[in-house]
């Protein structure tokens, strides 16, 4: 027998063996019921903290507390997060817009923050580093983009579909069904080629 026939026979035998194995593994069982429930992970499970673990973590906790409870500012009023925009979402967009000065040498024409990325409200009083992490817990980076007016209009249409985001430097008029009716940057209409 030549080598090609042996290889073909071996391959055909392997395919047949796999096919038989798959057919013989067919199960007549079927899932008839799935049960589950929610188990909240809260202090109930920590009624008796492990003393050794607490002692091990104590120096790290003390260091983190000294950073996290540091007061970085004061809020004169409470600010919530909601659509189409809110004081908090617009404040964050203002801060992002001003942060572009480091890159551009001037504030950006507009600032934008996804309201879904804002995870907590800001309460009146002292603002700590911990509060900032509770509000913006993700490690997002500031992105500075240069876009033509036509691309900006497309972005504004997407914001309209989502019924708003936190913005700075722009004015959008959005219908109740998520259509962009009007858009301007610094009070001026958006030009496609600019």
N, C-alpha and C. Protein backbone atom coordinates (compact mmCIF):
# COMPACT_ATOMS: atom_id res chain seq x y z
N UNK A 1 0.85 -1.16 0.00
CA UNK A 1 0.00 0.00 0.00
C UNK A 1 0.90 1.24 0.00
N UNK A 2 0.53 2.24 -0.81
CA UNK A 2 1.41 3.41 -0.83
C UNK A 2 1.05 4.37 0.31
N UNK A 3 1.91 5.38 0.51
CA UNK A 3 1.80 6.29 1.64
C UNK A 3 0.52 7.12 1.60
N UNK A 4 0.08 7.59 0.40
CA UNK A 4 -1.12 8.41 0.28
C UNK A 4 -2.35 7.64 0.72
N UNK A 5 -2.44 6.35 0.33
CA UNK A 5 -3.59 5.54 0.71
C UNK A 5 -3.61 5.31 2.22
N UNK A 6 -2.41 5.09 2.81
CA UNK A 6 -2.35 4.88 4.25
C UNK A 6 -2.79 6.14 5.01
N UNK A 7 -2.33 7.31 4.55
CA UNK A 7 -2.71 8.57 5.19
C UNK A 7 -4.21 8.80 5.07
N UNK A 8 -4.75 8.55 3.87
CA UNK A 8 -6.19 8.73 3.65
C UNK A 8 -6.98 7.77 4.55
N UNK A 9 -6.55 6.52 4.63
CA UNK A 9 -7.24 5.54 5.46
C UNK A 9 -7.20 5.94 6.93
N UNK A 10 -6.05 6.43 7.37
CA UNK A 10 -5.90 6.86 8.75
C UNK A 10 -6.81 8.06 9.04
N UNK A 11 -6.84 9.02 8.11
CA UNK A 11 -7.67 10.21 8.27
C UNK A 11 -9.16 9.83 8.26
N UNK A 12 -9.56 8.98 7.34
CA UNK A 12 -10.96 8.54 7.26
C UNK A 12 -11.36 7.80 8.53
N UNK A 13 -10.47 6.99 9.06
CA UNK A 13 -10.74 6.26 10.30
C UNK A 13 -10.89 7.20 11.48
N UNK A 14 -10.06 8.25 11.53
CA UNK A 14 -10.14 9.22 12.62
C UNK A 14 -11.45 9.99 12.55
N UNK A 15 -11.86 10.41 11.35
CA UNK A 15 -13.12 11.13 11.18
C UNK A 15 -14.29 10.25 11.60
N UNK A 16 -14.28 8.99 11.20
CA UNK A 16 -15.34 8.05 11.56
C UNK A 16 -15.39 7.85 13.08
N UNK A 17 -14.22 7.73 13.72
CA UNK A 17 -14.18 7.54 15.17
C UNK A 17 -14.74 8.75 15.90
N UNK A 18 -14.39 9.95 15.45
CA UNK A 18 -14.90 11.17 16.08
C UNK A 18 -16.42 11.26 15.89
N UNK A 19 -16.91 10.94 14.70
CA UNK A 19 -18.35 10.98 14.42
C UNK A 19 -19.09 10.00 15.33
N UNK A 20 -18.57 8.79 15.48
CA UNK A 20 -19.20 7.80 16.35
C UNK A 20 -19.18 8.26 17.81
N UNK A 21 -18.08 8.86 18.21
CA UNK A 21 -17.96 9.36 19.57
C UNK A 21 -19.01 10.45 19.84
N UNK A 22 -19.16 11.37 18.90
CA UNK A 22 -20.14 12.44 19.07
C UNK A 22 -21.56 11.91 19.11
N UNK A 23 -21.87 10.94 18.26
CA UNK A 23 -23.22 10.36 18.22
C UNK A 23 -23.49 9.60 19.51
N UNK A 24 -22.49 8.88 20.01
CA UNK A 24 -22.70 8.08 21.22
C UNK A 24 -22.78 8.95 22.47
N UNK A 25 -22.30 10.19 22.39
CA UNK A 25 -22.35 11.08 23.55
C UNK A 25 -23.65 11.86 23.62
N UNK A 26 -24.54 11.65 22.70
CA UNK A 26 -25.81 12.36 22.71
C UNK A 26 -26.57 11.99 23.98
N UNK A 27 -27.03 13.00 24.66
CA UNK A 27 -27.74 12.78 25.91
C UNK A 27 -29.24 13.00 25.71
N UNK A 28 -30.02 12.21 26.38
CA UNK A 28 -31.47 12.39 26.30
C UNK A 28 -31.96 13.27 27.45
N UNK A 29 -31.04 13.80 28.24
CA UNK A 29 -31.41 14.68 29.35
C UNK A 29 -31.70 16.08 28.82
N UNK A 30 -32.62 16.76 29.48
CA UNK A 30 -32.87 18.15 29.15
C UNK A 30 -33.15 18.92 30.43
N UNK A 31 -32.79 20.18 30.43
CA UNK A 31 -33.00 21.04 31.59
C UNK A 31 -34.48 21.35 31.69
N UNK A 32 -35.05 21.08 32.84
CA UNK A 32 -36.49 21.33 33.03
C UNK A 32 -36.75 22.49 33.97
N UNK A 33 -35.73 22.86 34.77
CA UNK A 33 -35.96 23.92 35.74
C UNK A 33 -34.62 24.52 36.17
N UNK A 34 -34.59 25.82 36.30
CA UNK A 34 -33.42 26.51 36.81
C UNK A 34 -33.88 27.40 37.95
N UNK A 35 -33.21 27.27 39.08
CA UNK A 35 -33.57 28.08 40.24
C UNK A 35 -32.37 28.90 40.67
N UNK A 36 -32.63 30.06 41.19
CA UNK A 36 -31.55 30.90 41.67
C UNK A 36 -32.12 32.03 42.50
N UNK A 37 -31.26 32.75 43.08
CA UNK A 37 -31.68 33.88 43.88
C UNK A 37 -30.53 34.83 44.10
N UNK A 38 -30.84 35.98 44.58
CA UNK A 38 -29.84 37.00 44.84
C UNK A 38 -29.37 36.89 46.28
N UNK A 39 -28.08 36.90 46.46
CA UNK A 39 -27.51 36.91 47.80
C UNK A 39 -26.74 38.22 47.95
N UNK A 40 -27.30 39.19 48.69
CA UNK A 40 -26.60 40.46 48.82
C UNK A 40 -25.30 40.30 49.62
N UNK A 41 -24.24 40.89 49.11
CA UNK A 41 -22.96 40.85 49.81
C UNK A 41 -22.85 42.13 50.64
N UNK A 42 -23.20 42.00 51.91
CA UNK A 42 -23.20 43.16 52.79
C UNK A 42 -22.58 42.80 54.13
N UNK A 43 -22.73 43.66 55.09
CA UNK A 43 -22.08 43.47 56.39
C UNK A 43 -22.57 42.25 57.15
N UNK A 44 -23.68 41.67 56.75
CA UNK A 44 -24.18 40.45 57.42
C UNK A 44 -23.11 39.37 57.37
N UNK A 45 -22.38 39.30 56.27
CA UNK A 45 -21.36 38.27 56.09
C UNK A 45 -20.07 38.61 56.84
N UNK A 46 -19.97 39.85 57.33
CA UNK A 46 -18.76 40.28 58.03
C UNK A 46 -19.01 40.51 59.52
N UNK A 47 -19.98 39.83 60.08
CA UNK A 47 -20.32 40.02 61.48
C UNK A 47 -19.11 39.79 62.38
N UNK A 48 -18.30 38.82 62.05
CA UNK A 48 -17.10 38.50 62.81
C UNK A 48 -15.88 38.59 61.89
N UNK A 49 -15.33 39.80 61.68
CA UNK A 49 -14.16 39.90 60.80
C UNK A 49 -12.99 39.10 61.34
N UNK A 50 -12.21 38.57 60.45
CA UNK A 50 -11.04 37.78 60.81
C UNK A 50 -9.98 38.73 61.38
N UNK A 51 -9.63 38.55 62.64
CA UNK A 51 -8.71 39.45 63.34
C UNK A 51 -7.35 39.50 62.66
N UNK A 52 -6.87 38.37 62.18
CA UNK A 52 -5.56 38.31 61.52
C UNK A 52 -5.58 39.13 60.22
N UNK A 53 -6.67 39.00 59.46
CA UNK A 53 -6.79 39.76 58.20
C UNK A 53 -6.91 41.26 58.49
N UNK A 54 -7.67 41.62 59.52
CA UNK A 54 -7.82 43.04 59.89
C UNK A 54 -6.46 43.62 60.27
N UNK A 55 -5.68 42.88 61.05
CA UNK A 55 -4.36 43.35 61.46
C UNK A 55 -3.42 43.49 60.26
N UNK A 56 -3.50 42.55 59.34
CA UNK A 56 -2.66 42.59 58.14
C UNK A 56 -2.98 43.81 57.27
N UNK A 57 -4.27 44.12 57.16
CA UNK A 57 -4.71 45.21 56.29
C UNK A 57 -4.65 46.59 56.95
N UNK A 58 -4.53 46.65 58.26
CA UNK A 58 -4.60 47.92 59.00
C UNK A 58 -3.65 48.99 58.48
N UNK A 59 -2.37 48.69 58.23
CA UNK A 59 -1.49 49.76 57.74
C UNK A 59 -1.90 50.29 56.35
N UNK A 60 -2.38 49.39 55.50
CA UNK A 60 -2.82 49.81 54.16
C UNK A 60 -4.09 50.65 54.25
N UNK A 61 -4.99 50.24 55.15
CA UNK A 61 -6.24 50.99 55.33
C UNK A 61 -5.95 52.39 55.86
N UNK A 62 -5.03 52.50 56.81
CA UNK A 62 -4.68 53.81 57.37
C UNK A 62 -4.11 54.72 56.28
N UNK A 63 -3.26 54.17 55.43
CA UNK A 63 -2.67 54.97 54.35
C UNK A 63 -3.75 55.39 53.34
N UNK A 64 -4.63 54.46 52.97
CA UNK A 64 -5.71 54.78 52.02
C UNK A 64 -6.66 55.82 52.62
N UNK A 65 -7.00 55.66 53.89
CA UNK A 65 -7.90 56.61 54.54
C UNK A 65 -7.31 58.02 54.52
N UNK A 66 -5.99 58.13 54.72
CA UNK A 66 -5.37 59.46 54.74
C UNK A 66 -5.46 60.13 53.37
N UNK A 67 -5.51 59.35 52.30
CA UNK A 67 -5.64 59.89 50.95
C UNK A 67 -7.12 60.10 50.61
N UNK A 68 -7.94 59.10 50.88
CA UNK A 68 -9.33 59.13 50.44
C UNK A 68 -10.18 60.16 51.18
N UNK A 69 -9.86 60.45 52.43
CA UNK A 69 -10.67 61.39 53.21
C UNK A 69 -10.10 62.81 53.18
N UNK A 70 -9.13 63.04 52.33
CA UNK A 70 -8.55 64.38 52.15
C UNK A 70 -9.58 65.28 51.47
N UNK A 71 -9.87 66.44 52.03
CA UNK A 71 -10.85 67.37 51.46
C UNK A 71 -10.19 68.14 50.32
N UNK A 72 -10.83 68.07 49.14
CA UNK A 72 -10.29 68.73 47.94
C UNK A 72 -11.14 69.91 47.49
N UNK A 73 -12.29 70.12 48.12
CA UNK A 73 -13.16 71.23 47.73
C UNK A 73 -14.43 71.23 48.55
N UNK A 74 -15.32 72.15 48.19
CA UNK A 74 -16.60 72.27 48.87
C UNK A 74 -17.71 72.44 47.84
N UNK A 75 -18.79 71.70 48.02
CA UNK A 75 -19.96 71.84 47.15
C UNK A 75 -20.97 72.73 47.87
N UNK A 76 -21.37 73.82 47.23
CA UNK A 76 -22.33 74.74 47.84
C UNK A 76 -23.75 74.19 47.80
N UNK A 77 -23.98 73.19 46.94
CA UNK A 77 -25.30 72.55 46.85
C UNK A 77 -25.10 71.11 46.41
N UNK A 78 -26.11 70.29 46.66
CA UNK A 78 -26.08 68.91 46.18
C UNK A 78 -26.33 68.89 44.68
N UNK A 79 -25.70 67.95 43.99
CA UNK A 79 -25.87 67.81 42.55
C UNK A 79 -26.11 66.35 42.21
N UNK A 80 -27.17 66.10 41.47
CA UNK A 80 -27.52 64.74 41.07
C UNK A 80 -27.11 64.53 39.62
N UNK A 81 -27.26 63.30 39.15
CA UNK A 81 -26.96 62.96 37.76
C UNK A 81 -28.23 62.45 37.10
N UNK A 82 -28.56 62.99 35.96
CA UNK A 82 -29.74 62.53 35.21
C UNK A 82 -29.68 63.09 33.80
N UNK A 83 -30.53 62.54 32.94
CA UNK A 83 -30.64 63.02 31.56
C UNK A 83 -31.80 64.00 31.48
N UNK A 84 -31.78 64.93 30.57
CA UNK A 84 -30.85 65.06 29.46
C UNK A 84 -29.50 65.61 29.89
N UNK A 85 -29.46 66.39 30.93
CA UNK A 85 -28.21 66.88 31.50
C UNK A 85 -28.51 67.32 32.92
N UNK A 86 -27.47 67.47 33.71
CA UNK A 86 -27.66 67.87 35.11
C UNK A 86 -26.52 68.80 35.50
N UNK A 87 -26.67 69.44 36.65
CA UNK A 87 -25.59 70.30 37.14
C UNK A 87 -24.29 69.52 37.25
N UNK A 88 -24.38 68.30 37.80
CA UNK A 88 -23.17 67.50 38.00
C UNK A 88 -22.54 67.10 36.67
N UNK A 89 -23.35 66.61 35.73
CA UNK A 89 -22.77 66.18 34.45
C UNK A 89 -22.17 67.36 33.70
N UNK A 90 -22.81 68.52 33.76
CA UNK A 90 -22.27 69.69 33.09
C UNK A 90 -21.03 70.24 33.79
N UNK A 91 -20.99 70.14 35.12
CA UNK A 91 -19.80 70.55 35.86
C UNK A 91 -18.60 69.69 35.43
N UNK A 92 -18.81 68.38 35.36
CA UNK A 92 -17.72 67.49 34.95
C UNK A 92 -17.29 67.80 33.52
N UNK A 93 -18.25 68.05 32.62
CA UNK A 93 -17.91 68.42 31.24
C UNK A 93 -17.13 69.74 31.21
N UNK A 94 -17.50 70.70 32.08
CA UNK A 94 -16.75 71.96 32.17
C UNK A 94 -15.31 71.71 32.60
N UNK A 95 -15.13 70.85 33.60
CA UNK A 95 -13.79 70.54 34.10
C UNK A 95 -12.96 69.88 33.01
N UNK A 96 -13.55 68.93 32.29
CA UNK A 96 -12.83 68.27 31.19
C UNK A 96 -12.45 69.27 30.10
N UNK A 97 -13.36 70.15 29.78
CA UNK A 97 -13.10 71.17 28.75
C UNK A 97 -11.94 72.06 29.17
N UNK A 98 -11.92 72.48 30.42
CA UNK A 98 -10.83 73.32 30.92
C UNK A 98 -9.51 72.55 30.98
N UNK A 99 -9.58 71.25 31.25
CA UNK A 99 -8.36 70.44 31.34
C UNK A 99 -7.64 70.36 30.00
N UNK A 100 -8.35 70.61 28.91
CA UNK A 100 -7.73 70.59 27.58
C UNK A 100 -6.73 71.72 27.40
N UNK A 101 -6.71 72.70 28.30
CA UNK A 101 -5.76 73.80 28.22
C UNK A 101 -4.33 73.27 28.18
N UNK A 102 -4.07 72.19 28.93
CA UNK A 102 -2.72 71.61 28.96
C UNK A 102 -2.28 71.13 27.58
N UNK A 103 -3.22 70.69 26.75
CA UNK A 103 -2.91 70.17 25.42
C UNK A 103 -2.99 71.27 24.37
N UNK A 104 -4.04 72.08 24.43
CA UNK A 104 -4.33 73.06 23.38
C UNK A 104 -3.81 74.46 23.68
N UNK A 105 -3.52 74.74 24.95
CA UNK A 105 -3.15 76.09 25.32
C UNK A 105 -4.36 76.98 25.54
N UNK A 106 -5.54 76.43 25.38
CA UNK A 106 -6.81 77.13 25.60
C UNK A 106 -7.87 76.07 25.88
N UNK A 107 -9.01 76.46 26.43
CA UNK A 107 -10.07 75.46 26.64
C UNK A 107 -10.55 74.90 25.30
N UNK A 108 -11.01 73.68 25.31
CA UNK A 108 -11.58 73.07 24.10
C UNK A 108 -12.88 73.79 23.75
N UNK A 109 -13.31 73.67 22.51
CA UNK A 109 -14.57 74.28 22.09
C UNK A 109 -15.75 73.68 22.82
N UNK A 110 -15.64 72.41 23.16
CA UNK A 110 -16.74 71.74 23.88
C UNK A 110 -16.18 70.67 24.79
N UNK A 111 -16.95 70.31 25.79
CA UNK A 111 -16.64 69.20 26.68
C UNK A 111 -17.83 68.26 26.70
N UNK A 112 -17.55 66.97 26.89
CA UNK A 112 -18.61 65.96 26.85
C UNK A 112 -18.28 64.86 27.85
N UNK A 113 -19.28 64.44 28.61
CA UNK A 113 -19.15 63.30 29.52
C UNK A 113 -20.37 62.41 29.36
N UNK A 114 -20.13 61.11 29.27
CA UNK A 114 -21.20 60.12 29.20
C UNK A 114 -21.85 60.04 30.59
N UNK A 115 -23.11 60.34 30.67
CA UNK A 115 -23.80 60.33 31.97
C UNK A 115 -23.73 58.95 32.62
N UNK A 116 -23.68 57.89 31.81
CA UNK A 116 -23.57 56.54 32.37
C UNK A 116 -22.28 56.31 33.14
N UNK A 117 -21.25 57.10 32.87
CA UNK A 117 -19.98 56.98 33.59
C UNK A 117 -19.98 57.69 34.92
N UNK A 118 -21.00 58.49 35.18
CA UNK A 118 -21.13 59.19 36.46
C UNK A 118 -21.95 58.29 37.37
N UNK A 119 -21.31 57.75 38.41
CA UNK A 119 -21.93 56.69 39.19
C UNK A 119 -22.52 57.10 40.53
N UNK A 120 -22.40 58.37 40.89
CA UNK A 120 -22.96 58.79 42.17
C UNK A 120 -23.28 60.27 42.11
N UNK A 121 -24.01 60.75 43.07
CA UNK A 121 -24.33 62.18 43.18
C UNK A 121 -23.28 62.86 44.05
N UNK A 122 -23.28 64.17 44.02
CA UNK A 122 -22.41 64.97 44.87
C UNK A 122 -23.29 65.66 45.91
N UNK A 123 -22.95 65.48 47.18
CA UNK A 123 -23.77 66.09 48.23
C UNK A 123 -23.14 67.41 48.68
N UNK A 124 -23.98 68.28 49.19
CA UNK A 124 -23.53 69.58 49.69
C UNK A 124 -22.52 69.38 50.81
N UNK A 125 -21.48 70.22 50.83
CA UNK A 125 -20.48 70.16 51.89
C UNK A 125 -19.11 69.83 51.34
N UNK A 126 -18.26 69.31 52.23
CA UNK A 126 -16.89 68.98 51.84
C UNK A 126 -16.87 67.90 50.76
N UNK A 127 -15.95 68.06 49.82
CA UNK A 127 -15.73 67.06 48.77
C UNK A 127 -14.40 66.40 49.06
N UNK A 128 -14.41 65.09 49.21
CA UNK A 128 -13.17 64.35 49.47
C UNK A 128 -12.74 63.59 48.22
N UNK A 129 -11.52 63.12 48.25
CA UNK A 129 -11.03 62.28 47.16
C UNK A 129 -11.93 61.06 47.00
N UNK A 130 -12.40 60.52 48.11
CA UNK A 130 -13.31 59.37 48.05
C UNK A 130 -14.58 59.72 47.27
N UNK A 131 -15.13 60.91 47.50
CA UNK A 131 -16.32 61.34 46.76
C UNK A 131 -16.06 61.35 45.26
N UNK A 132 -14.90 61.84 44.87
CA UNK A 132 -14.54 61.91 43.44
C UNK A 132 -14.50 60.49 42.86
N UNK A 133 -13.89 59.56 43.58
CA UNK A 133 -13.83 58.16 43.11
C UNK A 133 -15.22 57.51 43.07
N UNK A 134 -16.09 57.90 43.98
CA UNK A 134 -17.46 57.36 43.96
C UNK A 134 -18.24 57.89 42.77
N UNK A 135 -18.00 59.14 42.41
CA UNK A 135 -18.69 59.75 41.27
C UNK A 135 -18.13 59.25 39.95
N UNK A 136 -16.81 59.20 39.84
CA UNK A 136 -16.13 58.77 38.61
C UNK A 136 -15.18 57.62 38.94
N UNK A 137 -15.69 56.40 39.11
CA UNK A 137 -14.86 55.29 39.56
C UNK A 137 -13.98 54.65 38.49
N UNK A 138 -14.18 55.01 37.24
CA UNK A 138 -13.45 54.35 36.16
C UNK A 138 -12.16 55.10 35.84
N UNK A 139 -11.18 54.39 35.35
CA UNK A 139 -9.90 55.01 35.01
C UNK A 139 -9.93 55.56 33.59
N UNK A 140 -10.87 56.44 33.31
CA UNK A 140 -10.97 57.06 31.99
C UNK A 140 -9.89 58.12 31.84
N UNK A 141 -9.51 58.38 30.60
CA UNK A 141 -8.53 59.41 30.30
C UNK A 141 -9.19 60.52 29.49
N UNK A 142 -8.66 61.71 29.62
CA UNK A 142 -9.13 62.83 28.82
C UNK A 142 -8.64 62.64 27.39
N UNK A 143 -9.54 62.77 26.44
CA UNK A 143 -9.19 62.70 25.02
C UNK A 143 -9.51 64.05 24.39
N UNK A 144 -8.54 64.60 23.67
CA UNK A 144 -8.75 65.85 22.95
C UNK A 144 -8.75 65.51 21.47
N UNK A 145 -9.85 65.82 20.79
CA UNK A 145 -10.03 65.48 19.38
C UNK A 145 -10.24 66.74 18.56
N UNK A 146 -9.78 66.69 17.31
CA UNK A 146 -10.10 67.73 16.33
C UNK A 146 -11.07 67.11 15.35
N UNK A 147 -12.23 67.73 15.20
CA UNK A 147 -13.28 67.17 14.34
C UNK A 147 -13.86 68.25 13.44
N UNK A 148 -14.23 67.85 12.24
CA UNK A 148 -14.94 68.76 11.33
C UNK A 148 -16.38 68.93 11.83
N UNK A 149 -17.01 70.00 11.38
CA UNK A 149 -18.39 70.28 11.76
C UNK A 149 -19.34 69.15 11.40
N UNK A 150 -19.10 68.50 10.25
CA UNK A 150 -19.97 67.39 9.83
C UNK A 150 -19.90 66.24 10.83
N UNK A 151 -18.69 65.96 11.34
CA UNK A 151 -18.54 64.90 12.35
C UNK A 151 -19.17 65.33 13.67
N UNK A 152 -19.07 66.62 13.99
CA UNK A 152 -19.70 67.13 15.21
C UNK A 152 -21.22 66.96 15.14
N UNK A 153 -21.80 67.26 13.97
CA UNK A 153 -23.24 67.10 13.81
C UNK A 153 -23.64 65.64 14.02
N UNK A 154 -22.82 64.72 13.49
CA UNK A 154 -23.10 63.30 13.68
C UNK A 154 -23.04 62.95 15.18
N UNK A 155 -22.03 63.46 15.88
CA UNK A 155 -21.92 63.25 17.32
C UNK A 155 -23.16 63.81 18.04
N UNK A 156 -23.57 65.01 17.66
CA UNK A 156 -24.73 65.63 18.30
C UNK A 156 -26.00 64.82 18.04
N UNK A 157 -26.12 64.23 16.85
CA UNK A 157 -27.28 63.37 16.55
C UNK A 157 -27.28 62.14 17.46
N UNK A 158 -26.09 61.59 17.71
CA UNK A 158 -25.99 60.44 18.62
C UNK A 158 -26.34 60.83 20.05
N UNK A 159 -25.92 62.01 20.46
CA UNK A 159 -26.29 62.50 21.79
C UNK A 159 -27.80 62.66 21.88
N UNK A 160 -28.41 63.16 20.81
CA UNK A 160 -29.87 63.35 20.79
C UNK A 160 -30.60 62.02 20.92
N UNK A 161 -30.12 61.00 20.22
CA UNK A 161 -30.75 59.67 20.29
C UNK A 161 -30.73 59.17 21.74
N UNK A 162 -29.66 59.47 22.46
CA UNK A 162 -29.53 59.05 23.86
C UNK A 162 -30.26 60.01 24.81
N UNK A 163 -30.90 61.02 24.24
CA UNK A 163 -31.67 62.03 24.99
C UNK A 163 -30.79 62.85 25.92
N UNK A 164 -29.55 63.10 25.49
CA UNK A 164 -28.67 64.02 26.19
C UNK A 164 -27.51 63.37 26.90
N UNK A 165 -26.49 64.19 27.14
CA UNK A 165 -25.30 63.82 27.91
C UNK A 165 -24.86 65.08 28.65
N UNK A 166 -23.83 64.96 29.46
CA UNK A 166 -23.27 66.13 30.11
C UNK A 166 -22.42 66.89 29.11
N UNK A 167 -22.70 68.18 28.92
CA UNK A 167 -22.00 68.95 27.89
C UNK A 167 -21.52 70.29 28.44
N UNK A 168 -20.56 70.86 27.72
CA UNK A 168 -20.03 72.18 28.04
C UNK A 168 -19.67 72.87 26.73
N UNK A 169 -20.05 74.13 26.59
CA UNK A 169 -19.67 74.89 25.40
C UNK A 169 -20.57 74.71 24.20
N UNK A 170 -21.57 73.86 24.31
CA UNK A 170 -22.50 73.63 23.19
C UNK A 170 -23.93 73.76 23.68
N UNK A 171 -24.81 74.00 22.72
CA UNK A 171 -26.24 74.03 23.02
C UNK A 171 -26.92 73.10 22.01
N UNK A 172 -27.68 72.17 22.52
CA UNK A 172 -28.41 71.24 21.66
C UNK A 172 -29.90 71.35 21.97
N UNK A 173 -30.69 71.39 20.93
CA UNK A 173 -32.14 71.31 21.09
C UNK A 173 -32.54 69.93 20.58
N UNK A 174 -33.14 69.14 21.46
CA UNK A 174 -33.47 67.74 21.17
C UNK A 174 -34.97 67.54 21.35
N UNK A 175 -35.59 66.86 20.40
CA UNK A 175 -37.02 66.56 20.53
C UNK A 175 -37.22 65.45 21.55
N UNK A 176 -38.45 65.28 22.01
CA UNK A 176 -38.75 64.24 23.01
C UNK A 176 -38.49 62.84 22.48
N UNK A 177 -38.53 62.67 21.14
CA UNK A 177 -38.28 61.35 20.56
C UNK A 177 -36.83 61.18 20.11
N UNK A 178 -35.92 62.05 20.56
CA UNK A 178 -34.50 61.86 20.33
C UNK A 178 -33.97 62.37 19.00
N UNK A 179 -34.59 63.37 18.43
CA UNK A 179 -34.12 63.96 17.17
C UNK A 179 -33.40 65.27 17.49
N UNK A 180 -32.29 65.50 16.79
CA UNK A 180 -31.56 66.76 16.95
C UNK A 180 -32.28 67.83 16.14
N UNK A 181 -32.72 68.88 16.81
CA UNK A 181 -33.44 69.96 16.14
C UNK A 181 -32.51 71.12 15.80
N UNK A 182 -31.55 71.39 16.70
CA UNK A 182 -30.64 72.50 16.49
C UNK A 182 -29.39 72.27 17.32
N UNK A 183 -28.23 72.74 16.79
CA UNK A 183 -26.98 72.61 17.52
C UNK A 183 -26.12 73.84 17.29
N UNK A 184 -25.44 74.29 18.33
CA UNK A 184 -24.50 75.39 18.18
C UNK A 184 -23.33 75.19 19.14
N UNK A 185 -22.19 75.75 18.73
CA UNK A 185 -20.99 75.73 19.57
C UNK A 185 -20.66 77.19 19.88
N UNK A 186 -20.57 77.52 21.14
CA UNK A 186 -20.32 78.89 21.58
C UNK A 186 -21.33 79.85 20.97
N UNK A 187 -22.57 79.40 20.83
CA UNK A 187 -23.64 80.24 20.31
C UNK A 187 -23.67 80.40 18.80
N UNK A 188 -22.75 79.72 18.09
CA UNK A 188 -22.70 79.84 16.63
C UNK A 188 -23.11 78.52 15.99
N UNK A 189 -23.81 78.56 14.84
CA UNK A 189 -24.20 77.33 14.16
C UNK A 189 -22.97 76.50 13.76
N UNK A 190 -23.14 75.20 13.70
CA UNK A 190 -22.05 74.29 13.33
C UNK A 190 -21.93 74.27 11.80
N UNK A 191 -20.72 74.55 11.30
CA UNK A 191 -20.46 74.53 9.86
C UNK A 191 -19.80 73.21 9.49
N UNK A 192 -20.31 72.54 8.46
CA UNK A 192 -19.83 71.21 8.08
C UNK A 192 -18.33 71.14 7.83
N UNK A 193 -17.76 72.11 7.11
CA UNK A 193 -16.35 72.04 6.71
C UNK A 193 -15.39 72.74 7.65
N UNK A 194 -15.89 73.21 8.75
CA UNK A 194 -15.02 73.93 9.68
C UNK A 194 -14.61 73.07 10.84
